[in-house]
PDB file of N, CA and C in Angstrom:
ATOM      1  N   MET A   1       0.834  -1.138  -0.020  1.00  0.00           N
ATOM      2  CA  MET A   1      -0.004   0.020  -0.061  1.00  0.00           C
ATOM      3  C   MET A   1       0.853   1.322  -0.119  1.00  0.00           C
ATOM      4  N   THR A   2       0.411   2.334  -0.524  1.00  0.00           N
ATOM      5  CA  THR A   2       1.115   3.617  -0.608  1.00  0.00           C
ATOM      6  C   THR A   2       1.172   4.227   0.836  1.00  0.00           C
ATOM      7  N   GLU A   3       2.024   5.247   0.947  1.00  0.00           N
ATOM      8  CA  GLU A   3       2.390   5.911   2.273  1.00  0.00           C
ATOM      9  C   GLU A   3       1.035   6.619   2.626  1.00  0.00           C
ATOM     10  N   HIS A   4       0.748   6.402   3.899  1.00  0.00           N
ATOM     11  CA  HIS A   4      -0.423   7.063   4.496  1.00  0.00           C
ATOM     12  C   HIS A   4      -0.348   8.529   4.474  1.00  0.00           C
ATOM     13  N   GLY A   5      -1.352   9.302   4.398  1.00  0.00           N
ATOM     14  CA  GLY A   5      -1.397  10.692   4.400  1.00  0.00           C
ATOM     15  C   GLY A   5      -1.247  11.287   3.058  1.00  0.00           C
ATOM     16  N   THR A   6      -1.446  10.393   1.984  1.00  0.00           N
ATOM     17  CA  THR A   6      -1.398  10.820   0.587  1.00  0.00           C
ATOM     18  C   THR A   6      -2.699  10.611  -0.012  1.00  0.00           C
ATOM     19  N   ARG A   7      -3.002  11.266  -1.171  1.00  0.00           N
ATOM     20  CA  ARG A   7      -4.312  11.083  -1.898  1.00  0.00           C
ATOM     21  C   ARG A   7      -4.160   9.694  -2.582  1.00  0.00           C
ATOM     22  N   ALA A   8      -2.995   9.237  -2.995  1.00  0.00           N
ATOM     23  CA  ALA A   8      -2.863   8.028  -3.611  1.00  0.00           C
ATOM     24  C   ALA A   8      -3.230   6.842  -2.715  1.00  0.00           C
ATOM     25  N   CYS A   9      -2.899   7.083  -1.365  1.00  0.00           N
ATOM     26  CA  CYS A   9      -3.388   5.961  -0.407  1.00  0.00           C
ATOM     27  C   CYS A   9      -4.963   6.006  -0.271  1.00  0.00           C
ATOM     28  N   TYR A  10      -5.505   7.176  -0.194  1.00  0.00           N
ATOM     29  CA  TYR A  10      -6.972   7.448  -0.179  1.00  0.00           C
ATOM     30  C   TYR A  10      -7.640   6.732  -1.373  1.00  0.00           C
ATOM     31  N   LEU A  11      -7.037   6.948  -2.641  1.00  0.00           N
ATOM     32  CA  LEU A  11      -7.558   6.428  -3.763  1.00  0.00           C
ATOM     33  C   LEU A  11      -7.565   4.818  -3.798  1.00  0.00           C
ATOM     34  N   GLN A  12      -6.676   4.283  -3.002  1.00  0.00           N
ATOM     35  CA  GLN A  12      -6.566   2.845  -2.870  1.00  0.00           C
ATOM     36  C   GLN A  12      -7.502   2.290  -1.909  1.00  0.00           C
ATOM     37  N   GLY A  13      -8.293   3.241  -1.299  1.00  0.00           N
ATOM     38  CA  GLY A  13      -9.303   2.720  -0.249  1.00  0.00           C
ATOM     39  C   GLY A  13      -9.210   3.047   1.123  1.00  0.00           C
ATOM     40  N   CYS A  14      -8.061   3.665   1.490  1.00  0.00           N
ATOM     41  CA  CYS A  14      -7.769   3.957   2.926  1.00  0.00           C
ATOM     42  C   CYS A  14      -8.533   5.238   3.221  1.00  0.00           C
ATOM     43  N   ARG A  15      -9.247   5.066   4.431  1.00  0.00           N
ATOM     44  CA  ARG A  15     -10.089   6.218   4.906  1.00  0.00           C
ATOM     45  C   ARG A  15      -9.568   6.756   6.159  1.00  0.00           C
ATOM     46  N   GLN A  16      -8.237   6.493   6.515  1.00  0.00           N
ATOM     47  CA  GLN A  16      -7.866   6.965   7.865  1.00  0.00           C
ATOM     48  C   GLN A  16      -7.725   8.456   7.760  1.00  0.00           C
ATOM     49  N   PRO A  17      -7.857   9.298   8.797  1.00  0.00           N
ATOM     50  CA  PRO A  17      -7.909  10.773   8.698  1.00  0.00           C
ATOM     51  C   PRO A  17      -6.759  11.460   7.932  1.00  0.00           C
ATOM     52  N   PRO A  18      -5.478  10.908   8.002  1.00  0.00           N
ATOM     53  CA  PRO A  18      -4.449  11.666   7.229  1.00  0.00           C
ATOM     54  C   PRO A  18      -4.665  11.496   5.765  1.00  0.00           C
ATOM     55  N   CYS A  19      -5.250  10.311   5.292  1.00  0.00           N
ATOM     56  CA  CYS A  19      -5.536  10.161   3.819  1.00  0.00           C
ATOM     57  C   CYS A  19      -6.649  10.819   3.466  1.00  0.00           C
ATOM     58  N   ALA A  20      -7.811  10.824   4.156  1.00  0.00           N
ATOM     59  CA  ALA A  20      -8.945  11.638   3.905  1.00  0.00           C
ATOM     60  C   ALA A  20      -8.576  13.123   3.852  1.00  0.00           C
ATOM     61  N   THR A  21      -7.792  13.518   4.679  1.00  0.00           N
ATOM     62  CA  THR A  21      -7.334  15.000   4.631  1.00  0.00           C
ATOM     63  C   THR A  21      -6.638  15.343   3.404  1.00  0.00           C
ATOM     64  N   ALA A  22      -5.769  14.410   3.113  1.00  0.00           N
ATOM     65  CA  ALA A  22      -4.870  14.632   1.708  1.00  0.00           C
ATOM     66  C   ALA A  22      -5.879  14.802   0.589  1.00  0.00           C
ATOM     67  N   ASN A  23      -6.891  13.964   0.521  1.00  0.00           N
ATOM     68  CA  ASN A  23      -7.838  14.002  -0.631  1.00  0.00           C
ATOM     69  C   ASN A  23      -8.659  15.127  -0.643  1.00  0.00           C
ATOM     70  N   THR A  24      -9.173  15.631   0.621  1.00  0.00           N
ATOM     71  CA  THR A  24      -9.989  16.852   0.772  1.00  0.00           C
ATOM     72  C   THR A  24      -9.161  17.911   0.362  1.00  0.00           C
ATOM     73  N   SER A  25      -7.963  18.194   0.741  1.00  0.00           N
ATOM     74  CA  SER A  25      -6.927  19.207   0.382  1.00  0.00           C
ATOM     75  C   SER A  25      -6.709  19.231  -1.179  1.00  0.00           C
ATOM     76  N   TYR A  26      -6.679  18.041  -1.831  1.00  0.00           N
ATOM     77  CA  TYR A  26      -6.430  17.952  -3.294  1.00  0.00           C
ATOM     78  C   TYR A  26      -7.780  18.465  -3.963  1.00  0.00           C
ATOM     79  N   LEU A  27      -8.928  18.099  -3.500  1.00  0.00           N
ATOM     80  CA  LEU A  27     -10.132  18.508  -4.193  1.00  0.00           C
ATOM     81  C   LEU A  27     -10.345  20.012  -3.944  1.00  0.00           C
ATOM     82  N   HIS A  28     -10.143  20.545  -2.842  1.00  0.00           N
ATOM     83  CA  HIS A  28     -10.182  22.047  -2.587  1.00  0.00           C
ATOM     84  C   HIS A  28      -9.346  22.817  -3.422  1.00  0.00           C
ATOM     85  N   ASN A  29      -8.133  22.416  -3.634  1.00  0.00           N
ATOM     86  CA  ASN A  29      -7.163  23.088  -4.468  1.00  0.00           C
ATOM     87  C   ASN A  29      -7.451  22.999  -5.943  1.00  0.00           C
ATOM     88  N   LEU A  30      -8.072  21.802  -6.470  1.00  0.00           N
ATOM     89  CA  LEU A  30      -8.579  21.675  -7.648  1.00  0.00           C
ATOM     90  C   LEU A  30      -9.766  22.543  -8.005  1.00  0.00           C
ATOM     91  N   ARG A  31     -10.589  22.632  -7.076  1.00  0.00           N
ATOM     92  CA  ARG A  31     -11.766  23.646  -7.228  1.00  0.00           C
ATOM     93  C   ARG A  31     -11.233  25.054  -7.247  1.00  0.00           C
ATOM     94  N   GLN A  32     -10.277  25.402  -6.502  1.00  0.00           N
ATOM     95  CA  GLN A  32      -9.791  26.802  -6.472  1.00  0.00           C
ATOM     96  C   GLN A  32      -9.040  27.055  -8.048  1.00  0.00           C
ATOM     97  N   ARG A  33      -8.336  26.077  -8.420  1.00  0.00           N
ATOM     98  CA  ARG A  33      -7.726  26.333  -9.663  1.00  0.00           C
ATOM     99  C   ARG A  33      -8.809  26.462 -10.876  1.00  0.00           C
ATOM    100  N   ARG A  34      -9.914  25.618 -10.764  1.00  0.00           N
ATOM    101  CA  ARG A  34     -10.979  25.637 -11.750  1.00  0.00           C
ATOM    102  C   ARG A  34     -11.641  27.019 -11.687  1.00  0.00           C
ATOM    103  N   LYS A  35     -11.856  27.450 -10.548  1.00  0.00           N
ATOM    104  CA  LYS A  35     -12.412  28.735 -10.327  1.00  0.00           C
ATOM    105  C   LYS A  35     -11.717  29.969 -10.944  1.00  0.00           C
ATOM    106  N   GLN A  36     -10.320  29.774 -10.755  1.00  0.00           N
ATOM    107  CA  GLN A  36      -9.469  30.913 -11.344  1.00  0.00           C
ATOM    108  C   GLN A  36      -9.483  30.721 -12.827  1.00  0.00           C
ATOM    109  N   ASP A  37      -9.446  29.589 -13.447  1.00  0.00           N
ATOM    110  CA  ASP A  37      -9.396  29.284 -14.839  1.00  0.00           C
ATOM    111  C   ASP A  37     -10.812  29.828 -15.396  1.00  0.00           C
ATOM    112  N   LEU A  38     -11.936  29.590 -14.793  1.00  0.00           N
ATOM    113  CA  LEU A  38     -13.129  29.884 -15.284  1.00  0.00           C
ATOM    114  C   LEU A  38     -13.291  31.390 -15.287  1.00  0.00           C
ATOM    115  N   ALA A  39     -12.718  32.068 -14.153  1.00  0.00           N
ATOM    116  CA  ALA A  39     -12.775  33.606 -14.102  1.00  0.00           C
ATOM    117  C   ALA A  39     -11.938  34.154 -15.228  1.00  0.00           C
ATOM    118  N   ALA A  40     -10.869  33.564 -15.554  1.00  0.00           N
ATOM    119  CA  ALA A  40     -10.168  34.048 -16.733  1.00  0.00           C
ATOM    120  C   ALA A  40     -10.665  33.754 -18.099  1.00  0.00           C
ATOM    121  N   ASP A  41     -11.432  32.720 -18.221  1.00  0.00           N
ATOM    122  CA  ASP A  41     -12.087  32.387 -19.641  1.00  0.00           C
ATOM    123  C   ASP A  41     -13.430  31.824 -19.244  1.00  0.00           C
ATOM    124  N   PRO A  42     -14.515  32.726 -19.154  1.00  0.00           N
ATOM    125  CA  PRO A  42     -15.938  32.294 -18.936  1.00  0.00           C
ATOM    126  C   PRO A  42     -16.380  31.241 -19.916  1.00  0.00           C
ATOM    127  N   THR A  43     -15.854  31.016 -21.125  1.00  0.00           N
ATOM    128  CA  THR A  43     -16.288  30.150 -22.083  1.00  0.00           C
ATOM    129  C   THR A  43     -15.746  28.710 -21.859  1.00  0.00           C
ATOM    130  N   LEU A  44     -14.898  28.644 -20.863  1.00  0.00           N
ATOM    131  CA  LEU A  44     -14.171  27.261 -20.613  1.00  0.00           C
ATOM    132  C   LEU A  44     -15.198  26.099 -20.376  1.00  0.00           C
ATOM    133  N   LYS A  45     -16.185  26.471 -19.599  1.00  0.00           N
ATOM    134  CA  LYS A  45     -17.343  25.471 -19.251  1.00  0.00           C
ATOM    135  C   LYS A  45     -18.664  25.993 -19.751  1.00  0.00           C
ATOM    136  N   PRO A  46     -19.578  25.074 -20.036  1.00  0.00           N
ATOM    137  CA  PRO A  46     -20.840  25.546 -20.398  1.00  0.00           C
ATOM    138  C   PRO A  46     -21.597  26.076 -19.069  1.00  0.00           C
ATOM    139  N   HIS A  47     -22.363  26.985 -19.203  1.00  0.00           N
ATOM    140  CA  HIS A  47     -23.124  27.589 -18.018  1.00  0.00           C
ATOM    141  C   HIS A  47     -24.571  26.905 -18.043  1.00  0.00           C
ATOM    142  N   GLY A  48     -25.061  27.105 -16.770  1.00  0.00           N
ATOM    143  CA  GLY A  48     -26.429  26.455 -16.554  1.00  0.00           C
ATOM    144  C   GLY A  48     -26.482  25.045 -16.031  1.00  0.00           C
ATOM    145  N   SER A  49     -25.405  24.631 -15.404  1.00  0.00           N
ATOM    146  CA  SER A  49     -25.345  23.317 -14.757  1.00  0.00           C
ATOM    147  C   SER A  49     -24.984  23.383 -13.220  1.00  0.00           C
ATOM    148  N   PRO A  50     -25.502  22.533 -12.517  1.00  0.00           N
ATOM    149  CA  PRO A  50     -25.221  22.419 -11.163  1.00  0.00           C
ATOM    150  C   PRO A  50     -23.638  21.978 -10.934  1.00  0.00           C
ATOM    151  N   SER A  51     -23.084  21.304 -11.780  1.00  0.00           N
ATOM    152  CA  SER A  51     -21.780  20.940 -11.716  1.00  0.00           C
ATOM    153  C   SER A  51     -20.851  22.062 -12.046  1.00  0.00           C
ATOM    154  N   THR A  52     -21.155  22.943 -12.876  1.00  0.00           N
ATOM    155  CA  THR A  52     -20.356  24.250 -13.076  1.00  0.00           C
ATOM    156  C   THR A  52     -20.443  25.093 -11.769  1.00  0.00           C
ATOM    157  N   TYR A  53     -21.487  25.074 -11.200  1.00  0.00           N
ATOM    158  CA  TYR A  53     -21.655  25.859  -9.881  1.00  0.00           C
ATOM    159  C   TYR A  53     -20.830  25.320  -8.745  1.00  0.00           C
ATOM    160  N   VAL A  54     -20.899  24.009  -8.675  1.00  0.00           N
ATOM    161  CA  VAL A  54     -20.289  23.348  -7.481  1.00  0.00           C
ATOM    162  C   VAL A  54     -18.648  23.106  -7.824  1.00  0.00           C
ATOM    163  N   ASN A  55     -18.305  22.554  -8.894  1.00  0.00           N
ATOM    164  CA  ASN A  55     -17.042  22.106  -9.167  1.00  0.00           C
ATOM    165  C   ASN A  55     -16.217  23.127  -9.811  1.00  0.00           C
ATOM    166  N   TRP A  56     -16.746  24.216 -10.314  1.00  0.00           N
ATOM    167  CA  TRP A  56     -15.996  25.339 -10.995  1.00  0.00           C
ATOM    168  C   TRP A  56     -16.282  26.603 -10.262  1.00  0.00           C
ATOM    169  N   GLY A  57     -17.143  26.691  -9.208  1.00  0.00           N
ATOM    170  CA  GLY A  57     -17.260  27.877  -8.451  1.00  0.00           C
ATOM    171  C   GLY A  57     -17.986  29.061  -9.238  1.00  0.00           C
ATOM    172  N   CYS A  58     -18.631  28.673 -10.413  1.00  0.00           N
ATOM    173  CA  CYS A  58     -19.370  29.709 -11.044  1.00  0.00           C
ATOM    174  C   CYS A  58     -20.643  30.241 -10.321  1.00  0.00           C
ATOM    175  N   ARG A  59     -20.760  31.463 -10.320  1.00  0.00           N
ATOM    176  CA  ARG A  59     -21.964  32.144  -9.532  1.00  0.00           C
ATOM    177  C   ARG A  59     -22.778  32.987 -10.512  1.00  0.00           C
ATOM    178  N   CYS A  60     -22.698  32.624 -11.850  1.00  0.00           N
ATOM    179  CA  CYS A  60     -23.668  33.331 -12.767  1.00  0.00           C
ATOM    180  C   CYS A  60     -25.055  32.876 -12.546  1.00  0.00           C
ATOM    181  N   PRO A  61     -26.018  33.868 -12.968  1.00  0.00           N
ATOM    182  CA  PRO A  61     -27.420  33.493 -12.764  1.00  0.00           C
ATOM    183  C   PRO A  61     -27.958  32.059 -13.306  1.00  0.00           C
ATOM    184  N   GLN A  62     -27.423  31.607 -14.420  1.00  0.00           N
ATOM    185  CA  GLN A  62     -27.743  30.325 -15.061  1.00  0.00           C
ATOM    186  C   GLN A  62     -27.284  29.085 -14.100  1.00  0.00           C
ATOM    187  N   CYS A  63     -25.984  29.301 -13.635  1.00  0.00           N
ATOM    188  CA  CYS A  63     -25.519  28.202 -12.739  1.00  0.00           C
ATOM    189  C   CYS A  63     -26.144  28.160 -11.405  1.00  0.00           C
ATOM    190  N   GLY A  64     -26.438  29.421 -10.847  1.00  0.00           N
ATOM    191  CA  GLY A  64     -27.014  29.459  -9.614  1.00  0.00           C
ATOM    192  C   GLY A  64     -28.364  28.914  -9.629  1.00  0.00           C
ATOM    193  N   ASN A  65     -29.059  29.157 -10.765  1.00  0.00           N
ATOM    194  CA  ASN A  65     -30.600  28.681 -10.870  1.00  0.00           C
ATOM    195  C   ASN A  65     -30.519  27.088 -10.979  1.00  0.00           C
ATOM    196  N   ALA A  66     -29.598  26.625 -11.823  1.00  0.00           N
ATOM    197  CA  ALA A  66     -29.420  25.201 -12.022  1.00  0.00           C
ATOM    198  C   ALA A  66     -29.204  24.422 -10.825  1.00  0.00           C
ATOM    199  N   HIS A  67     -28.313  25.059  -9.888  1.00  0.00           N
ATOM    200  CA  HIS A  67     -27.817  24.437  -8.611  1.00  0.00           C
ATOM    201  C   HIS A  67     -29.095  24.477  -7.697  1.00  0.00           C
ATOM    202  N   SER A  68     -29.888  25.626  -7.574  1.00  0.00           N
ATOM    203  CA  SER A  68     -31.005  25.700  -6.765  1.00  0.00           C
ATOM    204  C   SER A  68     -32.082  24.583  -7.096  1.00  0.00           C
ATOM    205  N   ILE A  69     -32.346  24.525  -8.424  1.00  0.00           N
ATOM    206  CA  ILE A  69     -33.182  23.433  -8.989  1.00  0.00           C
ATOM    207  C   ILE A  69     -32.776  22.079  -8.493  1.00  0.00           C
ATOM    208  N   TRP A  70     -31.509  21.841  -8.694  1.00  0.00           N
ATOM    209  CA  TRP A  70     -30.959  20.561  -8.291  1.00  0.00           C
ATOM    210  C   TRP A  70     -31.054  20.236  -6.817  1.00  0.00           C
ATOM    211  N   LEU A  71     -30.865  21.232  -5.971  1.00  0.00           N
ATOM    212  CA  LEU A  71     -30.980  21.105  -4.486  1.00  0.00           C
ATOM    213  C   LEU A  71     -32.455  20.839  -4.266  1.00  0.00           C
ATOM    214  N   LYS A  72     -33.341  21.582  -4.769  1.00  0.00           N
ATOM    215  CA  LYS A  72     -34.820  21.457  -4.550  1.00  0.00           C
ATOM    216  C   LYS A  72     -35.251  19.870  -4.865  1.00  0.00           C
ATOM    217  N   ASP A  73     -34.719  19.469  -5.971  1.00  0.00           N
ATOM    218  CA  ASP A  73     -35.157  18.162  -6.588  1.00  0.00           C
ATOM    219  C   ASP A  73     -34.630  16.935  -5.602  1.00  0.00           C
ATOM    220  N   HIS A  74     -33.352  17.210  -5.092  1.00  0.00           N
ATOM    221  CA  HIS A  74     -32.642  16.171  -4.276  1.00  0.00           C
ATOM    222  C   HIS A  74     -32.951  16.244  -2.864  1.00  0.00           C
ATOM    223  N   ARG A  75     -33.619  17.438  -2.262  1.00  0.00           N
ATOM    224  CA  ARG A  75     -33.897  17.494  -0.917  1.00  0.00           C
ATOM    225  C   ARG A  75     -35.260  16.909  -0.646  1.00  0.00           C
ATOM    226  N   LYS A  76     -36.003  16.565  -1.622  1.00  0.00           N
ATOM    227  CA  LYS A  76     -37.301  16.063  -1.362  1.00  0.00           C
ATOM    228  C   LYS A  76     -37.288  14.591  -0.699  1.00  0.00           C
ATOM    229  N   GLY A  77     -36.231  13.783  -1.031  1.00  0.00           N
ATOM    230  CA  GLY A  77     -36.263  12.508  -0.348  1.00  0.00           C
ATOM    231  C   GLY A  77     -37.195  11.595  -1.141  1.00  0.00           C
ATOM    232  N   PRO A  78     -37.158  10.205  -0.745  1.00  0.00           N
ATOM    233  CA  PRO A  78     -37.922   9.224  -1.425  1.00  0.00           C
ATOM    234  C   PRO A  78     -39.337   9.610  -1.466  1.00  0.00           C
ATOM    235  N   GLN A  79     -40.057   9.355  -2.554  1.00  0.00           N
ATOM    236  CA  GLN A  79     -41.544   9.587  -2.648  1.00  0.00           C
ATOM    237  C   GLN A  79     -42.354   8.335  -2.806  1.00  0.00           C
TER     238      GLN A  79
END
């Protein structure tokens, strides 16, 4: 197994706190880079999707609305 405290170890299935923290840190940094990239070039990703809102940090009206609709639909629970 890979060294603990790394994202590689987390990806191999380890969920110990150091590995989970490494994965969380990686994802946080990835989203920050994406947000900066999208700010520099708004045409980089299509707008109007919850994914662009969450993963790319877009706060345009189209992405915000798509995210709101997604939340509403997924908070209802089983029917």
